Every structure is written in structure tokens, then in C-alpha cells.
Protein backbone atom coordinates (compact mmCIF):
# COMPACT_ATOMS: atom_id res chain seq x y z
CA MET A 1 0.05 -0.04 0.00
CA PRO A 2 1.70 3.05 -0.97
CA ASP A 3 1.46 5.94 1.17
CA THR A 4 -0.98 8.93 0.66
CA PHE A 5 1.65 11.71 1.53
CA THR A 6 4.54 13.49 -0.37
CA ARG A 7 8.05 12.30 1.58
CA GLU A 8 8.08 15.99 2.85
CA LYS A 9 4.70 15.72 4.62
CA ARG A 10 5.24 12.36 6.01
CA SER A 11 8.73 13.58 7.15
CA GLU A 12 6.93 16.57 9.06
CA ILE A 13 4.18 14.44 10.20
CA MET A 14 6.90 11.98 11.98
CA SER A 15 8.89 14.75 13.24
CA LYS A 16 5.98 15.85 15.29
CA ILE A 17 6.07 12.40 17.15
CA ARG A 18 7.49 12.00 20.38
CA SER A 19 10.12 9.89 21.87
CA LYS A 20 9.54 10.81 25.52
CA GLY A 21 6.41 11.88 27.85
CA THR A 22 4.03 10.04 25.36
CA LYS A 23 0.32 9.29 26.21
CA ILE A 24 1.57 5.54 27.28
CA GLU A 25 4.53 6.67 29.62
CA LEU A 26 2.09 9.58 31.25
CA ILE A 27 -0.78 6.89 31.99
CA MET A 28 1.89 4.11 33.44
CA LYS A 29 3.39 7.29 35.60
CA GLY A 30 -0.03 8.16 36.59
CA ALA A 31 -1.33 4.52 37.80
CA LEU A 32 2.91 4.05 39.51
CA GLU A 33 2.16 7.21 41.29
CA GLU A 34 -1.53 6.02 42.67
CA SER A 35 -0.53 2.85 44.04
CA GLY A 36 2.48 3.79 46.07
CA ILE A 37 5.12 2.53 44.21
CA VAL A 38 8.30 4.78 44.15
CA PHE A 39 10.30 5.03 40.63
CA GLN A 40 12.30 7.58 38.78
CA TYR A 41 11.33 8.75 34.98
CA GLN A 42 13.21 8.61 32.30
CA PRO A 43 16.18 7.44 34.30
CA LYS A 44 19.74 8.45 32.38
CA MET A 45 21.11 4.62 32.36
CA PHE A 46 21.82 2.15 29.16
CA GLY A 47 18.86 1.57 26.98
CA LYS A 48 16.71 4.44 28.23
CA PRO A 49 13.45 2.82 30.13
CA ASP A 50 10.84 4.63 31.16
CA PHE A 51 10.85 4.16 34.39
CA LEU A 52 13.28 2.53 37.17
CA ILE A 53 12.20 1.27 40.45
CA ALA A 54 15.03 0.91 42.51
CA PRO A 55 17.35 -0.74 42.57
CA ASN A 56 16.44 -3.27 40.05
CA ILE A 57 13.59 -3.16 37.87
CA VAL A 58 13.20 -1.27 34.89
CA ILE A 59 9.86 -0.39 32.62
CA PHE A 60 9.50 0.17 29.03
CA CYS A 61 6.19 1.50 27.68
CA ASP A 62 6.15 0.68 23.81
CA SER A 63 4.10 1.34 21.08
CA SER A 64 2.86 -1.03 18.72
CA PHE A 65 4.01 0.34 15.83
CA TRP A 66 7.68 1.82 16.85
CA HIS A 67 8.74 -1.40 18.64
CA GLY A 68 6.98 -3.67 16.25
CA ARG A 69 4.07 -5.82 17.75
CA ASP A 70 2.64 -8.46 15.85
CA TRP A 71 5.67 -8.27 13.10
CA ASN A 72 4.77 -10.61 10.80
CA LYS A 73 1.54 -8.87 10.18
CA LEU A 74 3.05 -5.18 10.31
CA GLY A 75 6.04 -6.13 8.53
CA ARG A 76 4.46 -7.48 5.53
CA ARG A 77 1.97 -4.49 5.53
CA LEU A 78 5.09 -1.89 5.34
CA PRO A 79 6.47 -0.99 2.04
CA LYS A 80 9.99 -2.58 1.80
CA GLY A 81 12.41 -0.01 2.61
CA TYR A 82 13.12 2.78 5.29
CA TRP A 83 10.12 1.58 7.77
CA ARG A 84 10.72 -1.56 7.53
CA GLU A 85 14.00 -1.34 8.29
CA HIS A 86 13.63 1.34 11.00
CA ILE A 87 11.04 -0.63 12.91
CA ASP A 88 13.36 -3.42 12.16
CA ARG A 89 16.28 -1.98 13.54
CA ASN A 90 14.14 -1.12 16.89
CA ARG A 91 13.46 -4.39 17.72
CA LYS A 92 16.79 -5.76 17.65
CA ARG A 93 17.66 -2.99 19.91
CA ASP A 94 15.20 -3.90 22.24
CA ARG A 95 16.48 -7.29 22.26
CA LEU A 96 20.12 -6.28 22.74
CA VAL A 97 18.81 -3.78 25.43
CA ASN A 98 16.96 -6.69 27.58
CA LEU A 99 20.10 -8.89 27.43
CA ARG A 100 22.60 -6.50 28.75
CA LEU A 101 19.84 -5.35 31.17
CA LYS A 102 18.95 -8.74 32.36
CA LYS A 103 23.12 -9.68 32.30
CA GLU A 104 23.30 -6.40 34.70
CA ASN A 105 20.71 -8.26 37.15
CA PHE A 106 17.75 -5.86 35.86
CA VAL A 107 14.19 -7.13 35.85
CA VAL A 108 13.06 -5.55 32.54
CA LEU A 109 9.13 -5.04 32.08
CA ARG A 110 7.79 -4.32 28.52
CA PHE A 111 4.06 -3.49 28.15
CA TRP A 112 2.41 -2.52 24.99
CA ASP A 113 1.03 0.79 24.47
CA LYS A 114 -2.58 -1.37 24.09
CA GLU A 115 -2.27 -2.93 27.62
CA LEU A 116 -1.54 0.22 28.92
CA GLU A 117 -4.62 1.71 27.83
CA ARG A 118 -6.84 -1.33 27.98
CA ASP A 119 -6.12 -2.36 31.69
CA VAL A 120 -3.07 -0.34 33.32
CA GLY A 121 -4.60 -2.05 36.23
CA LYS A 122 -3.13 -5.38 35.17
CA CYS A 123 0.42 -3.78 34.41
CA ILE A 124 0.57 -2.46 37.95
CA ALA A 125 -0.45 -5.57 39.27
CA LYS A 126 2.12 -7.42 37.42
CA THR A 127 4.78 -4.99 38.75
CA LYS A 128 3.47 -5.01 42.32
CA GLN A 129 4.05 -8.88 42.03
CA ILE A 130 7.69 -8.48 40.59
CA VAL A 131 8.37 -5.52 43.13
CA LEU A 132 7.27 -7.58 46.16
CA GLY A 133 9.21 -10.52 44.85
CA SER A 134 12.19 -8.59 43.90
CA ALA A 135 12.35 -6.61 47.71
CA THR A 136 11.70 -10.34 49.51
CA ASN A 137 14.38 -12.01 46.89
CA GLU A 138 11.98 -14.99 45.86
CA PRO A 139 11.99 -15.95 42.05
CA VAL A 140 8.35 -14.41 40.83
């Protein structure tokens, strides 16, 4: 399916998409605050997680498009070239970030935008389970 916009217009549209302070991050931030979980928002650390719950839990809030959810379907729909390659690189980087953080003994949680929009409570429940397990050093 060809793009309905010119290259210049598409570039202008895409340049307005934020990578920080997104709707899904703010949904999670509000839910974490409401739950009483102490966290750091957008910590300056490897992989640029959206949240850090000390000492070793990181949370990423991933957009289905930018991070390639249902990649088999999405990858087929995108035309070959820039966007397919861009998202594929994002997916590879996400895997490398996960591996490195896990090697550094971080627990990595990734939530999709749809999960956060539909039922942030479920995401918070999973986070609390990890936090409690981490605090007691029990496997979760």
C-alpha cells in the first residue's frame, strides 16, 4: 500500500511524534504514582527505560508500531525500505537492551501501548508482583 503523503509531508508528520512524555508513559506514570510505587521517571541509564524502580527493575512502555508488535503482520503491510528497516532495527535494539540489562541483574518489564490503554491496572499488578518478589528475593 503506497503512502498517501509526499515524502516531505510524511517527514513533517513523523517529526512531531515524541519519544518522551508520550501518552502511554503518562498513563503508566499516573498509575505508578497512584499505586504508591516509588520510581524514577526517564532515568539516565543504558537502554533509556521509561521507569526505574530501585534497585533493579526497569519498565519500558512500547508503542505497537515503533517496536513492531505483531511483526509478522506489520512487516508484511509496510513497504520495503525505510520504515520496515527502521522498526526492524528497533526490535533488534530492544532485544539487545533486554539482554544487557538482564546480565546486569535488572528485571526488565515491557508493556505494549494497548495493554496500558486497556487495563493499566493489570500492568501495575504485574509490576507490584515483581517489586514484592524482588524485595523478598523470591523468584516471581
